[in-house]
Each structure stands twice: as structure tokens, then as C-alpha cells.
Amino acid sequence: MGIHETSGIEDLTKVTAVTESARLNICIHGLHETGITTCAANKFASTLPNLDDSIQYMSHLQEIDILKDQI
């Protein structure tokens, strides 16, 4: 589950609250994300008490990354 699948951090917060109340772990993952989205997902994941011990990010597959200086 990730930011894009839930339409943003606000809805992801709601979904993770449901998983926590159901005593389920959650794994944050991404697909075709920018570096900014990856940073937001990592920051969000650090607040989750029921975070699974794996997390996926895909920003390294992008041809360009707006977080890096472009020449």
C-alpha cells in the first residue's frame, strides 16, 4: 500500500488506522515515484507502530530525479 494507491497521505492515514485496529501489519511500497514521494512515504512510515519490516521504493528506476542537481 502506498500514497498513490490511497490518493494521498490523508487517506493513507485512515487506511493505516484501520489496519492497526485490525492488528495487521502494513508494508509501504511505491511504483514510479519521484524522490519527493519516496521521502514523504519514508517519513510517514516512520510514524507507524504496525509497519512491517520491509518497505519498497522505486525512485531509483526513474531516468531523472528532481532531488538531484541537473546538469
C-alpha atoms as a PDB file:
ATOM      1  CA  MET A   1       0.000   0.000   0.000  1.00  0.00           C
ATOM      2  CA  GLY A   2       1.260   3.444  -0.741  1.00  0.00           C
ATOM      3  CA  ILE A   3       0.490   7.098  -1.112  1.00  0.00           C
ATOM      4  CA  HIS A   4      -0.625   6.788  -4.729  1.00  0.00           C
ATOM      5  CA  GLU A   5      -2.967   3.836  -4.191  1.00  0.00           C
ATOM      6  CA  THR A   6      -4.830   5.634  -1.421  1.00  0.00           C
ATOM      7  CA  SER A   7      -4.975   9.032  -3.141  1.00  0.00           C
ATOM      8  CA  GLY A   8      -2.652  10.776  -0.716  1.00  0.00           C
ATOM      9  CA  ILE A   9      -1.254  10.855   2.793  1.00  0.00           C
ATOM     10  CA  GLU A  10      -4.569  11.802   4.425  1.00  0.00           C
ATOM     11  CA  ASP A  11      -6.352   8.721   3.076  1.00  0.00           C
ATOM     12  CA  LEU A  12      -3.301   6.543   3.712  1.00  0.00           C
ATOM     13  CA  THR A  13      -3.511   7.653   7.344  1.00  0.00           C
ATOM     14  CA  LYS A  14      -7.111   6.423   7.503  1.00  0.00           C
ATOM     15  CA  VAL A  15      -6.238   3.084   5.926  1.00  0.00           C
ATOM     16  CA  THR A  16      -3.326   2.510   8.279  1.00  0.00           C
ATOM     17  CA  ALA A  17      -5.559   3.258  11.271  1.00  0.00           C
ATOM     18  CA  VAL A  18      -7.915   0.507  10.115  1.00  0.00           C
ATOM     19  CA  THR A  19      -5.048  -1.962   9.710  1.00  0.00           C
ATOM     20  CA  GLU A  20      -3.712  -1.105  13.144  1.00  0.00           C
ATOM     21  CA  SER A  21      -7.116  -1.629  14.775  1.00  0.00           C
ATOM     22  CA  ALA A  22      -7.362  -4.984  12.978  1.00  0.00           C
ATOM     23  CA  ARG A  23      -3.882  -5.877  14.298  1.00  0.00           C
ATOM     24  CA  LEU A  24      -2.462  -6.155  10.795  1.00  0.00           C
ATOM     25  CA  ASN A  25       0.972  -5.017   9.751  1.00  0.00           C
ATOM     26  CA  ILE A  26       1.365  -2.684   6.833  1.00  0.00           C
ATOM     27  CA  CYS A  27       4.065  -2.517   4.180  1.00  0.00           C
ATOM     28  CA  ILE A  28       4.600   0.769   2.375  1.00  0.00           C
ATOM     29  CA  HIS A  29       5.528   0.387  -1.269  1.00  0.00           C
ATOM     30  CA  GLY A  30       5.697   2.562  -4.318  1.00  0.00           C
ATOM     31  CA  LEU A  31       5.679   2.438  -8.059  1.00  0.00           C
ATOM     32  CA  HIS A  32       7.050   5.083 -10.427  1.00  0.00           C
ATOM     33  CA  GLU A  33       7.544   7.563  -7.616  1.00  0.00           C
ATOM     34  CA  THR A  34       9.622  10.676  -7.533  1.00  0.00           C
ATOM     35  CA  GLY A  35      12.248  11.227  -4.868  1.00  0.00           C
ATOM     36  CA  ILE A  36       9.821  13.597  -3.141  1.00  0.00           C
ATOM     37  CA  THR A  37       7.140  10.905  -2.883  1.00  0.00           C
ATOM     38  CA  THR A  38       9.717   8.426  -1.573  1.00  0.00           C
ATOM     39  CA  CYS A  39      10.795  10.901   1.119  1.00  0.00           C
ATOM     40  CA  ALA A  40       7.167  11.511   2.107  1.00  0.00           C
ATOM     41  CA  ALA A  41       6.477   7.773   2.275  1.00  0.00           C
ATOM     42  CA  ASN A  42       9.557   7.139   4.418  1.00  0.00           C
ATOM     43  CA  LYS A  43       8.639   9.957   6.793  1.00  0.00           C
ATOM     44  CA  PHE A  44       5.082   8.633   7.047  1.00  0.00           C
ATOM     45  CA  ALA A  45       6.270   5.049   7.547  1.00  0.00           C
ATOM     46  CA  SER A  46       8.460   6.128  10.459  1.00  0.00           C
ATOM     47  CA  THR A  47       5.295   7.039  12.404  1.00  0.00           C
ATOM     48  CA  LEU A  48       3.574   3.659  12.026  1.00  0.00           C
ATOM     49  CA  PRO A  49       3.568   1.298  15.007  1.00  0.00           C
ATOM     50  CA  ASN A  50       2.414  -1.569  12.773  1.00  0.00           C
ATOM     51  CA  LEU A  51       4.939  -1.105   9.975  1.00  0.00           C
ATOM     52  CA  ASP A  52       6.135  -4.376   8.509  1.00  0.00           C
ATOM     53  CA  ASP A  53       9.878  -4.777   8.394  1.00  0.00           C
ATOM     54  CA  SER A  54      10.019  -4.258   4.649  1.00  0.00           C
ATOM     55  CA  ILE A  55       9.483  -1.171   2.548  1.00  0.00           C
ATOM     56  CA  GLN A  56       9.730  -0.765  -1.196  1.00  0.00           C
ATOM     57  CA  TYR A  57      10.709   2.294  -3.157  1.00  0.00           C
ATOM     58  CA  MET A  58      11.099   2.725  -6.896  1.00  0.00           C
ATOM     59  CA  SER A  59      12.529   6.218  -7.350  1.00  0.00           C
ATOM     60  CA  HIS A  60      15.878   4.720  -8.293  1.00  0.00           C
ATOM     61  CA  LEU A  61      14.251   3.468 -11.516  1.00  0.00           C
ATOM     62  CA  GLN A  62      13.402   6.971 -12.693  1.00  0.00           C
ATOM     63  CA  GLU A  63      15.512   8.297 -15.534  1.00  0.00           C
ATOM     64  CA  ILE A  64      15.807  11.669 -13.805  1.00  0.00           C
ATOM     65  CA  ASP A  65      15.307  12.640 -10.200  1.00  0.00           C
ATOM     66  CA  ILE A  66      14.271  16.172  -9.341  1.00  0.00           C
ATOM     67  CA  LEU A  67      16.032  15.869  -5.989  1.00  0.00           C
ATOM     68  CA  LYS A  68      19.410  15.744  -7.718  1.00  0.00           C
ATOM     69  CA  ASP A  69      21.126  18.656  -9.408  1.00  0.00           C
ATOM     70  CA  GLN A  70      20.558  18.563 -13.130  1.00  0.00           C
ATOM     71  CA  ILE A  71      23.377  19.497 -15.489  1.00  0.00           C
END
